[in-house]
Amino acid sequence: AQYLQNSEQNNVLQLAWRLAKDETSGMLVPTWPVVMTRTDVRLLNTVPMEVGLQYGFNYWDAVVKEGVSKYI
């Protein structure tokens, strides 16, 4: 629970799934993750820095189902 709370408070990035229409069912389905900022940010660092990103279950589930090389 503490990890999720810290992640929510501190991470700069988030994943959102790009959607596409499934030709068979006609429904929207996730196709691949897109990285975006969670809020407006301004990075003023002159040295490299690490920014947080929580991948979540959907990301890792897709990697297992579709293969690592497709998403990483």
C-alpha atoms as a PDB file:
ATOM      1  CA  ALA A   1       0.000   0.000   0.000  1.00  0.00           C
ATOM      2  CA  GLN A   2       2.874   2.388   0.802  1.00  0.00           C
ATOM      3  CA  TYR A   3       4.408   1.829  -2.646  1.00  0.00           C
ATOM      4  CA  LEU A   4       1.147   2.752  -4.381  1.00  0.00           C
ATOM      5  CA  GLN A   5       0.768   5.871  -2.238  1.00  0.00           C
ATOM      6  CA  ASN A   6       4.367   6.974  -2.922  1.00  0.00           C
ATOM      7  CA  SER A   7       3.961   6.196  -6.609  1.00  0.00           C
ATOM      8  CA  GLU A   8       0.805   8.294  -6.852  1.00  0.00           C
ATOM      9  CA  GLN A   9       2.442  11.212  -5.052  1.00  0.00           C
ATOM     10  CA  ASN A  10       5.870  11.245  -6.739  1.00  0.00           C
ATOM     11  CA  ASN A  11       5.765   9.782 -10.238  1.00  0.00           C
ATOM     12  CA  VAL A  12       6.027  12.213 -13.129  1.00  0.00           C
ATOM     13  CA  LEU A  13       5.002   9.795 -15.890  1.00  0.00           C
ATOM     14  CA  GLN A  14       2.083   7.477 -16.550  1.00  0.00           C
ATOM     15  CA  LEU A  15       1.080   4.932 -19.153  1.00  0.00           C
ATOM     16  CA  ALA A  16      -2.103   5.176 -21.192  1.00  0.00           C
ATOM     17  CA  TRP A  17      -3.154   2.554 -23.703  1.00  0.00           C
ATOM     18  CA  ARG A  18      -3.610   3.499 -27.344  1.00  0.00           C
ATOM     19  CA  LEU A  19      -6.905   2.062 -28.556  1.00  0.00           C
ATOM     20  CA  ALA A  20      -7.890   0.627 -31.911  1.00  0.00           C
ATOM     21  CA  LYS A  21     -11.061  -0.897 -33.265  1.00  0.00           C
ATOM     22  CA  ASP A  22     -11.007  -4.689 -33.303  1.00  0.00           C
ATOM     23  CA  GLU A  23     -12.116  -5.723 -36.796  1.00  0.00           C
ATOM     24  CA  THR A  24     -13.865  -8.857 -35.552  1.00  0.00           C
ATOM     25  CA  SER A  25     -15.793  -7.549 -32.560  1.00  0.00           C
ATOM     26  CA  GLY A  26     -16.010  -3.868 -33.514  1.00  0.00           C
ATOM     27  CA  MET A  27     -14.940  -2.968 -29.973  1.00  0.00           C
ATOM     28  CA  LEU A  28     -12.066  -0.734 -28.925  1.00  0.00           C
ATOM     29  CA  VAL A  29      -9.107  -2.734 -27.621  1.00  0.00           C
ATOM     30  CA  PRO A  30      -5.735  -1.640 -26.189  1.00  0.00           C
ATOM     31  CA  THR A  31      -2.894  -1.925 -28.701  1.00  0.00           C
ATOM     32  CA  TRP A  32       0.243  -0.559 -27.016  1.00  0.00           C
ATOM     33  CA  PRO A  33       1.183   1.701 -24.106  1.00  0.00           C
ATOM     34  CA  VAL A  34       2.020   5.373 -24.579  1.00  0.00           C
ATOM     35  CA  VAL A  35       4.114   7.253 -21.988  1.00  0.00           C
ATOM     36  CA  MET A  36       2.881  10.716 -20.992  1.00  0.00           C
ATOM     37  CA  THR A  37       3.358  13.178 -18.163  1.00  0.00           C
ATOM     38  CA  ARG A  38       0.823  13.024 -15.340  1.00  0.00           C
ATOM     39  CA  THR A  39       0.749  16.825 -14.960  1.00  0.00           C
ATOM     40  CA  ASP A  40       2.405  19.829 -16.551  1.00  0.00           C
ATOM     41  CA  VAL A  41       6.093  19.725 -15.648  1.00  0.00           C
ATOM     42  CA  ARG A  42       9.122  21.897 -16.181  1.00  0.00           C
ATOM     43  CA  LEU A  43      12.495  20.201 -15.821  1.00  0.00           C
ATOM     44  CA  LEU A  44      15.308  22.633 -15.078  1.00  0.00           C
ATOM     45  CA  ASN A  45      18.044  20.134 -14.270  1.00  0.00           C
ATOM     46  CA  THR A  46      21.396  20.404 -15.993  1.00  0.00           C
ATOM     47  CA  VAL A  47      22.304  16.820 -15.078  1.00  0.00           C
ATOM     48  CA  PRO A  48      20.392  13.616 -15.888  1.00  0.00           C
ATOM     49  CA  MET A  49      17.614  12.675 -13.494  1.00  0.00           C
ATOM     50  CA  GLU A  50      15.265   9.757 -12.944  1.00  0.00           C
ATOM     51  CA  VAL A  51      11.521  10.259 -13.194  1.00  0.00           C
ATOM     52  CA  GLY A  52       9.000   7.788 -11.805  1.00  0.00           C
ATOM     53  CA  LEU A  53       6.632   5.574 -13.762  1.00  0.00           C
ATOM     54  CA  GLN A  54       4.350   2.839 -12.438  1.00  0.00           C
ATOM     55  CA  TYR A  55       3.769   0.231 -15.146  1.00  0.00           C
ATOM     56  CA  GLY A  56       0.835  -1.540 -13.560  1.00  0.00           C
ATOM     57  CA  PHE A  57      -0.827  -4.882 -14.208  1.00  0.00           C
ATOM     58  CA  ASN A  58      -2.063  -4.157 -17.755  1.00  0.00           C
ATOM     59  CA  TYR A  59       1.444  -3.433 -19.009  1.00  0.00           C
ATOM     60  CA  TRP A  60       3.027  -6.583 -17.584  1.00  0.00           C
ATOM     61  CA  ASP A  61       0.039  -8.722 -18.560  1.00  0.00           C
ATOM     62  CA  ALA A  62       0.428  -7.562 -22.169  1.00  0.00           C
ATOM     63  CA  VAL A  63       4.160  -8.302 -22.073  1.00  0.00           C
ATOM     64  CA  VAL A  64       3.424 -11.848 -20.915  1.00  0.00           C
ATOM     65  CA  LYS A  65       0.733 -12.363 -23.562  1.00  0.00           C
ATOM     66  CA  GLU A  66       2.391 -10.584 -26.503  1.00  0.00           C
ATOM     67  CA  GLY A  67       6.134 -10.947 -25.845  1.00  0.00           C
ATOM     68  CA  VAL A  68       8.752  -8.713 -24.294  1.00  0.00           C
ATOM     69  CA  SER A  69      10.199  -7.356 -27.535  1.00  0.00           C
ATOM     70  CA  LYS A  70       6.884  -5.818 -28.591  1.00  0.00           C
ATOM     71  CA  TYR A  71       6.705  -3.437 -25.612  1.00  0.00           C
ATOM     72  CA  ILE A  72      10.231  -3.021 -24.257  1.00  0.00           C
END
